[in-house]
Every structure is written in structure tokens, then in C-alpha cells.
Amino acid sequence: SDENLAEIKRHMGTQTIGFDKINQI
């Protein structure tokens, strides 16, 4: 849900600079 995603992103932004976008594309 929107509320869950906001909570996840708030902490994910501290946890990581991001996943492998080259593998995603």
C-alpha cells in the first residue's frame, strides 16, 4: 500500500544507495 511503501522507502534510503539497476533494465 502507499502507507507501507512510504515507511519502507524512509528506511531503505538509509539502508542502501540502491539495487542493481543495470540488471533490472
PDB file of all heavy atoms in Angstrom:
ATOM      1  N   SER A   1       0.834  -1.201   0.000  1.00  0.00           N
ATOM      2  CA  SER A   1       0.000   0.000   0.000  1.00  0.00           C
ATOM      3  C   SER A   1       0.874   1.258   0.000  1.00  0.00           C
ATOM      4  O   SER A   1       2.076   1.207   0.279  1.00  0.00           O
ATOM      5  CB  SER A   1      -0.891   0.012   1.246  1.00  0.00           C
ATOM      6  OG  SER A   1      -0.083   0.154   2.417  1.00  0.00           O
ATOM      7  N   ASP A   2       0.265   2.400  -0.271  1.00  0.00           N
ATOM      8  CA  ASP A   2       1.001   3.667  -0.266  1.00  0.00           C
ATOM      9  C   ASP A   2       1.656   3.912   1.095  1.00  0.00           C
ATOM     10  O   ASP A   2       2.816   4.346   1.169  1.00  0.00           O
ATOM     11  CB  ASP A   2       0.063   4.825  -0.603  1.00  0.00           C
ATOM     12  CG  ASP A   2      -0.438   4.789  -2.046  1.00  0.00           C
ATOM     13  OD1 ASP A   2       0.192   4.103  -2.873  1.00  0.00           O
ATOM     14  OD2 ASP A   2      -1.468   5.445  -2.327  1.00  0.00           O
ATOM     15  N   GLU A   3       0.919   3.653   2.168  1.00  0.00           N
ATOM     16  CA  GLU A   3       1.460   3.903   3.506  1.00  0.00           C
ATOM     17  C   GLU A   3       2.624   2.972   3.813  1.00  0.00           C
ATOM     18  O   GLU A   3       3.648   3.394   4.381  1.00  0.00           O
ATOM     19  CB  GLU A   3       0.361   3.729   4.558  1.00  0.00           C
ATOM     20  CG  GLU A   3      -0.687   4.821   4.556  1.00  0.00           C
ATOM     21  CD  GLU A   3      -1.717   4.598   5.654  1.00  0.00           C
ATOM     22  OE1 GLU A   3      -1.396   4.818   6.834  1.00  0.00           O
ATOM     23  OE2 GLU A   3      -2.845   4.187   5.319  1.00  0.00           O
ATOM     24  N   ASN A   4       2.479   1.714   3.466  1.00  0.00           N
ATOM     25  CA  ASN A   4       3.584   0.773   3.680  1.00  0.00           C
ATOM     26  C   ASN A   4       4.810   1.180   2.867  1.00  0.00           C
ATOM     27  O   ASN A   4       5.944   1.124   3.360  1.00  0.00           O
ATOM     28  CB  ASN A   4       3.163  -0.646   3.291  1.00  0.00           C
ATOM     29  CG  ASN A   4       2.512  -1.398   4.431  1.00  0.00           C
ATOM     30  OD1 ASN A   4       2.885  -1.262   5.588  1.00  0.00           O
ATOM     31  ND2 ASN A   4       1.524  -2.225   4.102  1.00  0.00           N
ATOM     32  N   LEU A   5       4.590   1.564   1.598  1.00  0.00           N
ATOM     33  CA  LEU A   5       5.720   1.928   0.750  1.00  0.00           C
ATOM     34  C   LEU A   5       6.446   3.152   1.286  1.00  0.00           C
ATOM     35  O   LEU A   5       7.684   3.215   1.245  1.00  0.00           O
ATOM     36  CB  LEU A   5       5.249   2.194  -0.678  1.00  0.00           C
ATOM     37  CG  LEU A   5       4.831   0.981  -1.502  1.00  0.00           C
ATOM     38  CD1 LEU A   5       4.472   1.406  -2.922  1.00  0.00           C
ATOM     39  CD2 LEU A   5       5.931  -0.067  -1.554  1.00  0.00           C
ATOM     40  N   ALA A   6       5.708   4.116   1.796  1.00  0.00           N
ATOM     41  CA  ALA A   6       6.347   5.306   2.367  1.00  0.00           C
ATOM     42  C   ALA A   6       7.234   4.917   3.550  1.00  0.00           C
ATOM     43  O   ALA A   6       8.352   5.429   3.706  1.00  0.00           O
ATOM     44  CB  ALA A   6       5.281   6.315   2.801  1.00  0.00           C
ATOM     45  N   GLU A   7       6.733   3.994   4.372  1.00  0.00           N
ATOM     46  CA  GLU A   7       7.507   3.523   5.525  1.00  0.00           C
ATOM     47  C   GLU A   7       8.759   2.770   5.064  1.00  0.00           C
ATOM     48  O   GLU A   7       9.858   2.970   5.587  1.00  0.00           O
ATOM     49  CB  GLU A   7       6.636   2.606   6.382  1.00  0.00           C
ATOM     50  CG  GLU A   7       7.303   2.035   7.622  1.00  0.00           C
ATOM     51  CD  GLU A   7       7.423   3.043   8.745  1.00  0.00           C
ATOM     52  OE1 GLU A   7       6.764   4.112   8.685  1.00  0.00           O
ATOM     53  OE2 GLU A   7       8.192   2.782   9.688  1.00  0.00           O
ATOM     54  N   ILE A   8       8.600   1.899   4.067  1.00  0.00           N
ATOM     55  CA  ILE A   8       9.738   1.127   3.560  1.00  0.00           C
ATOM     56  C   ILE A   8      10.800   2.052   2.967  1.00  0.00           C
ATOM     57  O   ILE A   8      11.994   1.938   3.269  1.00  0.00           O
ATOM     58  CB  ILE A   8       9.265   0.113   2.494  1.00  0.00           C
ATOM     59  CG1 ILE A   8       8.391  -0.956   3.130  1.00  0.00           C
ATOM     60  CG2 ILE A   8      10.461  -0.536   1.795  1.00  0.00           C
ATOM     61  CD1 ILE A   8       7.675  -1.852   2.116  1.00  0.00           C
ATOM     62  N   LYS A   9      10.381   2.997   2.137  1.00  0.00           N
ATOM     63  CA  LYS A   9      11.334   3.875   1.454  1.00  0.00           C
ATOM     64  C   LYS A   9      12.079   4.765   2.448  1.00  0.00           C
ATOM     65  O   LYS A   9      13.257   5.090   2.244  1.00  0.00           O
ATOM     66  CB  LYS A   9      10.606   4.732   0.423  1.00  0.00           C
ATOM     67  CG  LYS A   9      10.100   3.948  -0.786  1.00  0.00           C
ATOM     68  CD  LYS A   9       9.324   4.857  -1.734  1.00  0.00           C
ATOM     69  CE  LYS A   9       8.689   4.076  -2.867  1.00  0.00           C
ATOM     70  NZ  LYS A   9       7.905   4.941  -3.777  1.00  0.00           N
ATOM     71  N   ARG A  10      11.384   5.163   3.530  1.00  0.00           N
ATOM     72  CA  ARG A  10      12.022   6.021   4.537  1.00  0.00           C
ATOM     73  C   ARG A  10      13.262   5.347   5.116  1.00  0.00           C
ATOM     74  O   ARG A  10      14.305   5.977   5.308  1.00  0.00           O
ATOM     75  CB  ARG A  10      11.014   6.344   5.631  1.00  0.00           C
ATOM     76  CG  ARG A  10      11.530   7.306   6.695  1.00  0.00           C
ATOM     77  CD  ARG A  10      10.372   7.882   7.484  1.00  0.00           C
ATOM     78  NE  ARG A  10       9.671   6.881   8.268  1.00  0.00           N
ATOM     79  CZ  ARG A  10      10.001   6.557   9.524  1.00  0.00           C
ATOM     80  NH1 ARG A  10      11.042   7.133  10.095  1.00  0.00           N
ATOM     81  NH2 ARG A  10       9.301   5.667  10.184  1.00  0.00           N
ATOM     82  N   HIS A  11      13.152   4.051   5.377  1.00  0.00           N
ATOM     83  CA  HIS A  11      14.293   3.326   5.948  1.00  0.00           C
ATOM     84  C   HIS A  11      15.237   2.819   4.864  1.00  0.00           C
ATOM     85  O   HIS A  11      16.457   2.749   5.073  1.00  0.00           O
ATOM     86  CB  HIS A  11      13.781   2.167   6.797  1.00  0.00           C
ATOM     87  CG  HIS A  11      12.943   2.600   7.954  1.00  0.00           C
ATOM     88  ND1 HIS A  11      13.443   3.352   9.000  1.00  0.00           N
ATOM     89  CD2 HIS A  11      11.623   2.409   8.229  1.00  0.00           C
ATOM     90  CE1 HIS A  11      12.482   3.596   9.873  1.00  0.00           C
ATOM     91  NE2 HIS A  11      11.368   3.033   9.427  1.00  0.00           N
ATOM     92  N   MET A  12      14.695   2.469   3.701  1.00  0.00           N
ATOM     93  CA  MET A  12      15.536   1.963   2.623  1.00  0.00           C
ATOM     94  C   MET A  12      16.531   3.016   2.162  1.00  0.00           C
ATOM     95  O   MET A  12      17.670   2.705   1.788  1.00  0.00           O
ATOM     96  CB  MET A  12      14.659   1.506   1.454  1.00  0.00           C
ATOM     97  CG  MET A  12      15.418   0.806   0.342  1.00  0.00           C
ATOM     98  SD  MET A  12      14.319   0.226  -0.975  1.00  0.00           S
ATOM     99  CE  MET A  12      13.646  -1.238  -0.204  1.00  0.00           C
ATOM    100  N   GLY A  13      16.115   4.276   2.198  1.00  0.00           N
ATOM    101  CA  GLY A  13      17.011   5.359   1.801  1.00  0.00           C
ATOM    102  C   GLY A  13      18.217   5.491   2.707  1.00  0.00           C
ATOM    103  O   GLY A  13      19.257   6.027   2.293  1.00  0.00           O
ATOM    104  N   THR A  14      18.092   5.019   3.927  1.00  0.00           N
ATOM    105  CA  THR A  14      19.226   4.997   4.848  1.00  0.00           C
ATOM    106  C   THR A  14      20.045   3.717   4.681  1.00  0.00           C
ATOM    107  O   THR A  14      21.268   3.722   4.808  1.00  0.00           O
ATOM    108  CB  THR A  14      18.722   5.082   6.306  1.00  0.00           C
ATOM    109  OG1 THR A  14      17.927   6.255   6.461  1.00  0.00           O
ATOM    110  CG2 THR A  14      19.885   5.122   7.285  1.00  0.00           C
ATOM    111  N   GLN A  15      19.358   2.642   4.370  1.00  0.00           N
ATOM    112  CA  GLN A  15      19.989   1.319   4.310  1.00  0.00           C
ATOM    113  C   GLN A  15      20.882   1.147   3.096  1.00  0.00           C
ATOM    114  O   GLN A  15      21.937   0.513   3.166  1.00  0.00           O
ATOM    115  CB  GLN A  15      18.899   0.238   4.291  1.00  0.00           C
ATOM    116  CG  GLN A  15      19.410  -1.184   4.219  1.00  0.00           C
ATOM    117  CD  GLN A  15      18.285  -2.178   3.967  1.00  0.00           C
ATOM    118  OE1 GLN A  15      17.331  -1.882   3.255  1.00  0.00           O
ATOM    119  NE2 GLN A  15      18.388  -3.346   4.562  1.00  0.00           N
ATOM    120  N   THR A  16      20.472   1.678   1.931  1.00  0.00           N
ATOM    121  CA  THR A  16      21.181   1.374   0.689  1.00  0.00           C
ATOM    122  C   THR A  16      21.133   2.558  -0.264  1.00  0.00           C
ATOM    123  O   THR A  16      20.218   3.391  -0.204  1.00  0.00           O
ATOM    124  CB  THR A  16      20.566   0.138   0.001  1.00  0.00           C
ATOM    125  OG1 THR A  16      21.272  -0.128  -1.219  1.00  0.00           O
ATOM    126  CG2 THR A  16      19.098   0.350  -0.322  1.00  0.00           C
ATOM    127  N   ILE A  17      22.128   2.599  -1.164  1.00  0.00           N
ATOM    128  CA  ILE A  17      22.098   3.606  -2.229  1.00  0.00           C
ATOM    129  C   ILE A  17      21.351   3.084  -3.441  1.00  0.00           C
ATOM    130  O   ILE A  17      21.210   3.789  -4.445  1.00  0.00           O
ATOM    131  CB  ILE A  17      23.523   4.018  -2.640  1.00  0.00           C
ATOM    132  CG1 ILE A  17      24.338   2.785  -3.067  1.00  0.00           C
ATOM    133  CG2 ILE A  17      24.214   4.769  -1.519  1.00  0.00           C
ATOM    134  CD1 ILE A  17      25.684   3.124  -3.668  1.00  0.00           C
ATOM    135  N   GLY A  18      20.901   1.842  -3.379  1.00  0.00           N
ATOM    136  CA  GLY A  18      20.101   1.299  -4.464  1.00  0.00           C
ATOM    137  C   GLY A  18      20.558  -0.074  -4.888  1.00  0.00           C
ATOM    138  O   GLY A  18      21.659  -0.526  -4.565  1.00  0.00           O
ATOM    139  N   PHE A  19      19.680  -0.766  -5.616  1.00  0.00           N
ATOM    140  CA  PHE A  19      19.968  -2.102  -6.120  1.00  0.00           C
ATOM    141  C   PHE A  19      20.551  -2.013  -7.535  1.00  0.00           C
ATOM    142  O   PHE A  19      20.769  -0.925  -8.058  1.00  0.00           O
ATOM    143  CB  PHE A  19      18.698  -2.950  -6.075  1.00  0.00           C
ATOM    144  CG  PHE A  19      18.176  -3.175  -4.687  1.00  0.00           C
ATOM    145  CD1 PHE A  19      17.129  -2.400  -4.171  1.00  0.00           C
ATOM    146  CD2 PHE A  19      18.728  -4.144  -3.875  1.00  0.00           C
ATOM    147  CE1 PHE A  19      16.652  -2.606  -2.888  1.00  0.00           C
ATOM    148  CE2 PHE A  19      18.259  -4.362  -2.588  1.00  0.00           C
ATOM    149  CZ  PHE A  19      17.217  -3.590  -2.090  1.00  0.00           C
ATOM    150  N   ASP A  20      20.775  -3.161  -8.144  1.00  0.00           N
ATOM    151  CA  ASP A  20      21.445  -3.229  -9.441  1.00  0.00           C
ATOM    152  C   ASP A  20      20.483  -2.828 -10.554  1.00  0.00           C
ATOM    153  O   ASP A  20      19.711  -3.644 -11.065  1.00  0.00           O
ATOM    154  CB  ASP A  20      21.958  -4.660  -9.652  1.00  0.00           C
ATOM    155  CG  ASP A  20      22.795  -4.816 -10.900  1.00  0.00           C
ATOM    156  OD1 ASP A  20      22.761  -3.916 -11.759  1.00  0.00           O
ATOM    157  OD2 ASP A  20      23.470  -5.860 -11.035  1.00  0.00           O
ATOM    158  N   LYS A  21      20.547  -1.565 -10.954  1.00  0.00           N
ATOM    159  CA  LYS A  21      19.630  -1.059 -11.980  1.00  0.00           C
ATOM    160  C   LYS A  21      19.984  -1.596 -13.365  1.00  0.00           C
ATOM    161  O   LYS A  21      19.104  -1.729 -14.220  1.00  0.00           O
ATOM    162  CB  LYS A  21      19.637   0.471 -11.976  1.00  0.00           C
ATOM    163  CG  LYS A  21      19.131   1.079 -10.681  1.00  0.00           C
ATOM    164  CD  LYS A  21      19.005   2.582 -10.764  1.00  0.00           C
ATOM    165  CE  LYS A  21      20.355   3.264 -10.802  1.00  0.00           C
ATOM    166  NZ  LYS A  21      21.126   3.103  -9.537  1.00  0.00           N
ATOM    167  N   ILE A  22      21.247  -1.919 -13.601  1.00  0.00           N
ATOM    168  CA  ILE A  22      21.644  -2.482 -14.893  1.00  0.00           C
ATOM    169  C   ILE A  22      21.005  -3.860 -15.074  1.00  0.00           C
ATOM    170  O   ILE A  22      20.528  -4.198 -16.159  1.00  0.00           O
ATOM    171  CB  ILE A  22      23.173  -2.569 -15.006  1.00  0.00           C
ATOM    172  CG1 ILE A  22      23.802  -1.183 -14.932  1.00  0.00           C
ATOM    173  CG2 ILE A  22      23.582  -3.277 -16.301  1.00  0.00           C
ATOM    174  CD1 ILE A  22      23.322  -0.221 -15.998  1.00  0.00           C
ATOM    175  N   ASN A  23      20.978  -4.653 -14.016  1.00  0.00           N
ATOM    176  CA  ASN A  23      20.321  -5.958 -14.103  1.00  0.00           C
ATOM    177  C   ASN A  23      18.818  -5.804 -14.300  1.00  0.00           C
ATOM    178  O   ASN A  23      18.194  -6.580 -15.025  1.00  0.00           O
ATOM    179  CB  ASN A  23      20.606  -6.783 -12.854  1.00  0.00           C
ATOM    180  CG  ASN A  23      20.259  -8.248 -13.038  1.00  0.00           C
ATOM    181  OD1 ASN A  23      20.428  -8.804 -14.124  1.00  0.00           O
ATOM    182  ND2 ASN A  23      19.754  -8.873 -11.995  1.00  0.00           N
ATOM    183  N   GLN A  24      18.249  -4.795 -13.667  1.00  0.00           N
ATOM    184  CA  GLN A  24      16.820  -4.549 -13.840  1.00  0.00           C
ATOM    185  C   GLN A  24      16.501  -4.201 -15.293  1.00  0.00           C
ATOM    186  O   GLN A  24      15.587  -4.787 -15.894  1.00  0.00           O
ATOM    187  CB  GLN A  24      16.371  -3.414 -12.915  1.00  0.00           C
ATOM    188  CG  GLN A  24      16.412  -3.773 -11.436  1.00  0.00           C
ATOM    189  CD  GLN A  24      16.057  -2.599 -10.534  1.00  0.00           C
ATOM    190  OE1 GLN A  24      15.462  -1.608 -10.991  1.00  0.00           O
ATOM    191  NE2 GLN A  24      16.413  -2.700  -9.259  1.00  0.00           N
ATOM    192  N   ILE A  25      17.264  -3.294 -15.894  1.00  0.00           N
ATOM    193  CA  ILE A  25      16.962  -2.890 -17.275  1.00  0.00           C
ATOM    194  C   ILE A  25      17.316  -4.007 -18.251  1.00  0.00           C
ATOM    195  O   ILE A  25      16.695  -4.151 -19.307  1.00  0.00           O
ATOM    196  CB  ILE A  25      17.688  -1.573 -17.656  1.00  0.00           C
ATOM    197  CG1 ILE A  25      17.092  -0.977 -18.933  1.00  0.00           C
ATOM    198  CG2 ILE A  25      19.175  -1.769 -17.797  1.00  0.00           C
ATOM    199  CD1 ILE A  25      15.629  -0.604 -18.839  1.00  0.00           C
TER     200      ILE A  25
END
